[in-house]
Amino acid sequence: MKVEPDDFEKERERLNRLVLSYAGKNIKRFFALDSSVYREGALDRKTKELLGLVASLTLRCDDCVRYHLSQCRELGITDEELEEAMAVALVVGGSIVIPHLRRAFEFWTLLEEGE
């Protein structure tokens, strides 16, 4: 199913607001930890987003893949950098990753078209 980047972002924001409206301190702490892990540190943000993308592909989480692709686009990751990271995910995850790889490249193309 084709997912438009703007629709994905709006739905993600809406659902995050819903989760946080119910969230206690443990869920809020996890959300805060997730945000802080991707900040600039010993590794730059581009590297961290590519790592997140590889993990998301191997864990087969399409929402996570789309999120990391959006972040990668904002950080200026090139098509070549993206393809190399996706190749790592494919080697680590095996052929089960291929359907997610297809959708990831489709979403990346949609992000490019939206610029």
N, C-alpha and C. Protein backbone atom coordinates (compact mmCIF):
# COMPACT_ATOMS: atom_id res chain seq x y z
N MET A 1 0.83 -1.17 0.00
CA MET A 1 0.00 0.00 0.00
C MET A 1 0.88 1.25 0.00
N LYS A 2 0.66 2.12 -0.95
CA LYS A 2 1.42 3.35 -1.08
C LYS A 2 1.02 4.33 0.02
N VAL A 3 2.02 4.85 0.72
CA VAL A 3 1.78 5.80 1.80
C VAL A 3 2.48 7.10 1.44
N GLU A 4 1.71 8.17 1.36
CA GLU A 4 2.27 9.48 1.05
C GLU A 4 3.00 10.04 2.29
N PRO A 5 4.17 10.66 2.08
CA PRO A 5 4.93 11.19 3.21
C PRO A 5 4.14 12.14 4.11
N ASP A 6 3.39 13.06 3.53
CA ASP A 6 2.63 14.01 4.37
C ASP A 6 1.58 13.30 5.21
N ASP A 7 0.89 12.33 4.59
CA ASP A 7 -0.12 11.56 5.32
C ASP A 7 0.52 10.78 6.46
N PHE A 8 1.68 10.18 6.19
CA PHE A 8 2.38 9.42 7.22
C PHE A 8 2.73 10.31 8.40
N GLU A 9 3.32 11.48 8.11
CA GLU A 9 3.74 12.39 9.19
C GLU A 9 2.55 12.86 10.02
N LYS A 10 1.47 13.22 9.37
CA LYS A 10 0.28 13.68 10.10
C LYS A 10 -0.29 12.58 10.98
N GLU A 11 -0.38 11.38 10.44
CA GLU A 11 -0.93 10.25 11.21
C GLU A 11 -0.01 9.90 12.38
N ARG A 12 1.29 9.94 12.15
CA ARG A 12 2.25 9.64 13.21
C ARG A 12 2.12 10.65 14.34
N GLU A 13 2.03 11.93 13.99
CA GLU A 13 1.87 12.97 15.00
C GLU A 13 0.57 12.80 15.77
N ARG A 14 -0.52 12.51 15.06
CA ARG A 14 -1.82 12.32 15.71
C ARG A 14 -1.77 11.16 16.70
N LEU A 15 -1.19 10.05 16.26
CA LEU A 15 -1.13 8.87 17.13
C LEU A 15 -0.18 9.07 18.30
N ASN A 16 0.92 9.79 18.09
CA ASN A 16 1.82 10.10 19.21
C ASN A 16 1.11 10.95 20.26
N ARG A 17 0.33 11.94 19.80
CA ARG A 17 -0.44 12.75 20.75
C ARG A 17 -1.41 11.87 21.55
N LEU A 18 -2.04 10.94 20.86
CA LEU A 18 -2.98 10.03 21.54
C LEU A 18 -2.25 9.19 22.59
N VAL A 19 -1.14 8.59 22.21
CA VAL A 19 -0.36 7.79 23.16
C VAL A 19 0.03 8.63 24.36
N LEU A 20 0.56 9.82 24.10
CA LEU A 20 1.04 10.66 25.20
C LEU A 20 -0.10 11.17 26.08
N SER A 21 -1.31 11.22 25.55
CA SER A 21 -2.45 11.64 26.38
C SER A 21 -2.77 10.56 27.43
N TYR A 22 -2.42 9.34 27.16
CA TYR A 22 -2.62 8.24 28.11
C TYR A 22 -1.36 7.91 28.91
N ALA A 23 -0.23 8.37 28.44
CA ALA A 23 1.07 7.92 28.93
C ALA A 23 1.33 8.31 30.38
N GLY A 24 1.88 7.34 31.09
CA GLY A 24 2.44 7.59 32.41
C GLY A 24 3.92 7.86 32.26
N LYS A 25 4.62 7.92 33.38
CA LYS A 25 6.03 8.31 33.31
C LYS A 25 6.90 7.30 32.57
N ASN A 26 6.59 6.01 32.60
CA ASN A 26 7.43 5.04 31.91
C ASN A 26 7.36 5.20 30.39
N ILE A 27 6.18 5.39 29.85
CA ILE A 27 6.05 5.61 28.41
C ILE A 27 6.70 6.93 28.03
N LYS A 28 6.48 7.97 28.83
CA LYS A 28 7.09 9.27 28.54
C LYS A 28 8.61 9.18 28.61
N ARG A 29 9.14 8.44 29.55
CA ARG A 29 10.59 8.27 29.64
C ARG A 29 11.15 7.56 28.42
N PHE A 30 10.43 6.55 27.94
CA PHE A 30 10.88 5.83 26.76
C PHE A 30 10.88 6.76 25.54
N PHE A 31 9.83 7.54 25.37
CA PHE A 31 9.78 8.49 24.26
C PHE A 31 10.93 9.49 24.35
N ALA A 32 11.23 9.96 25.55
CA ALA A 32 12.34 10.91 25.74
C ALA A 32 13.68 10.25 25.43
N LEU A 33 13.84 9.01 25.85
CA LEU A 33 15.07 8.28 25.57
C LEU A 33 15.25 8.10 24.07
N ASP A 34 14.17 7.74 23.39
CA ASP A 34 14.22 7.56 21.94
C ASP A 34 14.70 8.84 21.25
N SER A 35 14.17 9.97 21.68
CA SER A 35 14.58 11.25 21.09
C SER A 35 16.04 11.57 21.38
N SER A 36 16.47 11.34 22.61
CA SER A 36 17.83 11.72 22.98
C SER A 36 18.89 10.85 22.32
N VAL A 37 18.57 9.61 22.06
CA VAL A 37 19.55 8.70 21.45
C VAL A 37 19.98 9.17 20.06
N TYR A 38 19.09 9.82 19.34
CA TYR A 38 19.39 10.24 17.96
C TYR A 38 20.01 11.63 17.87
N ARG A 39 20.28 12.26 19.00
CA ARG A 39 20.95 13.56 18.98
C ARG A 39 22.43 13.38 18.64
N GLU A 40 23.03 14.46 18.19
CA GLU A 40 24.46 14.49 17.86
C GLU A 40 25.27 14.06 19.08
N GLY A 41 26.25 13.23 18.87
CA GLY A 41 27.13 12.76 19.94
C GLY A 41 28.44 12.29 19.33
N ALA A 42 28.99 11.20 19.85
CA ALA A 42 30.20 10.64 19.26
C ALA A 42 29.93 10.23 17.81
N LEU A 43 28.70 9.78 17.56
CA LEU A 43 28.25 9.52 16.19
C LEU A 43 27.40 10.69 15.73
N ASP A 44 27.55 11.07 14.48
CA ASP A 44 26.72 12.16 13.97
C ASP A 44 25.30 11.66 13.73
N ARG A 45 24.38 12.61 13.57
CA ARG A 45 22.96 12.26 13.41
C ARG A 45 22.70 11.43 12.16
N LYS A 46 23.42 11.71 11.08
CA LYS A 46 23.23 10.95 9.85
C LYS A 46 23.52 9.46 10.08
N THR A 47 24.62 9.19 10.76
CA THR A 47 25.00 7.80 11.04
C THR A 47 23.94 7.14 11.92
N LYS A 48 23.48 7.85 12.93
CA LYS A 48 22.48 7.29 13.83
C LYS A 48 21.18 7.00 13.11
N GLU A 49 20.76 7.87 12.20
CA GLU A 49 19.52 7.62 11.44
C GLU A 49 19.69 6.43 10.51
N LEU A 50 20.87 6.29 9.90
CA LEU A 50 21.11 5.12 9.05
C LEU A 50 21.10 3.84 9.88
N LEU A 51 21.65 3.90 11.08
CA LEU A 51 21.60 2.74 11.98
C LEU A 51 20.16 2.41 12.34
N GLY A 52 19.38 3.43 12.64
CA GLY A 52 17.96 3.22 12.94
C GLY A 52 17.22 2.63 11.76
N LEU A 53 17.56 3.09 10.56
CA LEU A 53 16.94 2.55 9.35
C LEU A 53 17.27 1.08 9.17
N VAL A 54 18.53 0.72 9.32
CA VAL A 54 18.94 -0.68 9.18
C VAL A 54 18.22 -1.55 10.20
N ALA A 55 18.19 -1.10 11.45
CA ALA A 55 17.49 -1.88 12.48
C ALA A 55 16.01 -2.01 12.15
N SER A 56 15.40 -0.94 11.69
CA SER A 56 13.97 -0.97 11.37
C SER A 56 13.68 -1.91 10.21
N LEU A 57 14.55 -1.93 9.22
CA LEU A 57 14.36 -2.86 8.09
C LEU A 57 14.49 -4.30 8.55
N THR A 58 15.51 -4.58 9.36
CA THR A 58 15.71 -5.97 9.79
C THR A 58 14.62 -6.42 10.76
N LEU A 59 14.06 -5.48 11.52
CA LEU A 59 12.95 -5.81 12.42
C LEU A 59 11.60 -5.75 11.70
N ARG A 60 11.62 -5.29 10.46
CA ARG A 60 10.45 -5.26 9.57
C ARG A 60 9.32 -4.38 10.10
N CYS A 61 9.71 -3.16 10.51
CA CYS A 61 8.73 -2.19 10.99
C CYS A 61 8.60 -1.08 9.95
N ASP A 62 7.58 -1.17 9.11
CA ASP A 62 7.41 -0.19 8.04
C ASP A 62 7.24 1.23 8.55
N ASP A 63 6.50 1.43 9.65
CA ASP A 63 6.36 2.78 10.21
C ASP A 63 7.73 3.33 10.62
N CYS A 64 8.52 2.51 11.26
CA CYS A 64 9.86 2.93 11.69
C CYS A 64 10.73 3.24 10.48
N VAL A 65 10.65 2.41 9.45
CA VAL A 65 11.41 2.64 8.23
C VAL A 65 11.04 3.99 7.64
N ARG A 66 9.75 4.27 7.54
CA ARG A 66 9.30 5.55 6.97
C ARG A 66 9.81 6.73 7.82
N TYR A 67 9.73 6.60 9.13
CA TYR A 67 10.21 7.66 9.99
C TYR A 67 11.70 7.94 9.75
N HIS A 68 12.50 6.87 9.74
CA HIS A 68 13.94 7.05 9.56
C HIS A 68 14.27 7.56 8.15
N LEU A 69 13.51 7.13 7.16
CA LEU A 69 13.72 7.67 5.81
C LEU A 69 13.45 9.17 5.77
N SER A 70 12.40 9.60 6.44
CA SER A 70 12.09 11.04 6.50
C SER A 70 13.23 11.80 7.17
N GLN A 71 13.74 11.26 8.25
CA GLN A 71 14.86 11.90 8.95
C GLN A 71 16.11 11.91 8.06
N CYS A 72 16.37 10.81 7.38
CA CYS A 72 17.52 10.74 6.48
C CYS A 72 17.43 11.80 5.39
N ARG A 73 16.24 11.97 4.83
CA ARG A 73 16.03 12.98 3.78
C ARG A 73 16.32 14.37 4.35
N GLU A 74 15.80 14.67 5.54
CA GLU A 74 16.03 15.98 6.15
C GLU A 74 17.51 16.23 6.42
N LEU A 75 18.26 15.17 6.72
CA LEU A 75 19.68 15.31 7.04
C LEU A 75 20.57 15.29 5.80
N GLY A 76 19.97 15.15 4.63
CA GLY A 76 20.75 15.22 3.39
C GLY A 76 21.46 13.94 3.00
N ILE A 77 21.01 12.82 3.49
CA ILE A 77 21.61 11.54 3.10
C ILE A 77 21.36 11.32 1.61
N THR A 78 22.40 10.89 0.93
CA THR A 78 22.33 10.72 -0.52
C THR A 78 21.72 9.36 -0.87
N ASP A 79 21.33 9.24 -2.14
CA ASP A 79 20.82 7.96 -2.63
C ASP A 79 21.86 6.86 -2.45
N GLU A 80 23.12 7.19 -2.67
CA GLU A 80 24.20 6.20 -2.55
C GLU A 80 24.38 5.74 -1.10
N GLU A 81 24.34 6.70 -0.16
CA GLU A 81 24.45 6.35 1.26
C GLU A 81 23.27 5.48 1.68
N LEU A 82 22.10 5.85 1.21
CA LEU A 82 20.89 5.10 1.54
C LEU A 82 20.99 3.67 1.00
N GLU A 83 21.39 3.53 -0.24
CA GLU A 83 21.47 2.20 -0.85
C GLU A 83 22.46 1.31 -0.10
N GLU A 84 23.58 1.86 0.33
CA GLU A 84 24.56 1.06 1.07
C GLU A 84 23.99 0.61 2.41
N ALA A 85 23.29 1.50 3.09
CA ALA A 85 22.67 1.12 4.36
C ALA A 85 21.61 0.04 4.14
N MET A 86 20.82 0.19 3.10
CA MET A 86 19.79 -0.81 2.81
C MET A 86 20.41 -2.16 2.46
N ALA A 87 21.56 -2.13 1.79
CA ALA A 87 22.25 -3.37 1.47
C ALA A 87 22.70 -4.08 2.75
N VAL A 88 23.16 -3.31 3.73
CA VAL A 88 23.53 -3.90 5.03
C VAL A 88 22.31 -4.56 5.66
N ALA A 89 21.18 -3.87 5.65
CA ALA A 89 19.96 -4.44 6.23
C ALA A 89 19.56 -5.73 5.53
N LEU A 90 19.71 -5.76 4.23
CA LEU A 90 19.36 -6.96 3.46
C LEU A 90 20.27 -8.13 3.83
N VAL A 91 21.56 -7.86 3.96
CA VAL A 91 22.50 -8.92 4.32
C VAL A 91 22.23 -9.42 5.74
N VAL A 92 21.98 -8.49 6.66
CA VAL A 92 21.72 -8.87 8.05
C VAL A 92 20.39 -9.59 8.18
N GLY A 93 19.35 -9.07 7.53
CA GLY A 93 18.00 -9.60 7.71
C GLY A 93 17.62 -10.71 6.76
N GLY A 94 18.30 -10.80 5.63
CA GLY A 94 17.97 -11.84 4.66
C GLY A 94 16.81 -11.45 3.76
N SER A 95 16.37 -12.42 2.98
CA SER A 95 15.37 -12.15 1.96
C SER A 95 14.02 -11.68 2.51
N ILE A 96 13.74 -11.94 3.78
CA ILE A 96 12.48 -11.48 4.37
C ILE A 96 12.40 -9.96 4.39
N VAL A 97 13.54 -9.30 4.26
CA VAL A 97 13.60 -7.84 4.27
C VAL A 97 13.15 -7.25 2.92
N ILE A 98 13.20 -8.05 1.85
CA ILE A 98 12.94 -7.53 0.51
C ILE A 98 11.62 -6.78 0.38
N PRO A 99 10.48 -7.29 0.88
CA PRO A 99 9.25 -6.51 0.76
C PRO A 99 9.34 -5.13 1.43
N HIS A 100 10.05 -5.06 2.53
CA HIS A 100 10.21 -3.79 3.26
C HIS A 100 11.17 -2.87 2.50
N LEU A 101 12.15 -3.47 1.86
CA LEU A 101 13.08 -2.72 1.01
C LEU A 101 12.33 -2.08 -0.15
N ARG A 102 11.41 -2.82 -0.75
CA ARG A 102 10.61 -2.28 -1.85
C ARG A 102 9.82 -1.06 -1.40
N ARG A 103 9.13 -1.20 -0.28
CA ARG A 103 8.32 -0.09 0.22
C ARG A 103 9.20 1.09 0.65
N ALA A 104 10.40 0.78 1.16
CA ALA A 104 11.32 1.84 1.58
C ALA A 104 11.78 2.65 0.38
N PHE A 105 12.16 1.99 -0.69
CA PHE A 105 12.58 2.73 -1.88
C PHE A 105 11.43 3.50 -2.49
N GLU A 106 10.22 2.97 -2.42
CA GLU A 106 9.06 3.70 -2.91
C GLU A 106 8.85 4.98 -2.09
N PHE A 107 8.92 4.85 -0.76
CA PHE A 107 8.73 6.01 0.12
C PHE A 107 9.83 7.04 -0.11
N TRP A 108 11.08 6.58 -0.28
CA TRP A 108 12.22 7.48 -0.54
C TRP A 108 11.95 8.27 -1.83
N THR A 109 11.44 7.59 -2.84
CA THR A 109 11.12 8.25 -4.11
C THR A 109 10.04 9.31 -3.91
N LEU A 110 9.04 8.98 -3.11
CA LEU A 110 7.98 9.95 -2.81
C LEU A 110 8.52 11.16 -2.05
N LEU A 111 9.46 10.91 -1.15
CA LEU A 111 10.09 12.02 -0.43
C LEU A 111 10.85 12.92 -1.40
N GLU A 112 11.57 12.31 -2.35
CA GLU A 112 12.31 13.08 -3.34
C GLU A 112 11.37 13.92 -4.20
N GLU A 113 10.25 13.32 -4.59
CA GLU A 113 9.28 14.02 -5.44
C GLU A 113 8.65 15.20 -4.72
N GLY A 114 8.54 15.10 -3.40
CA GLY A 114 7.91 16.16 -2.60
C GLY A 114 8.79 17.37 -2.38
N GLU A 115 10.04 17.28 -2.74
CA GLU A 115 10.96 18.41 -2.49
C GLU A 115 10.81 19.49 -3.52
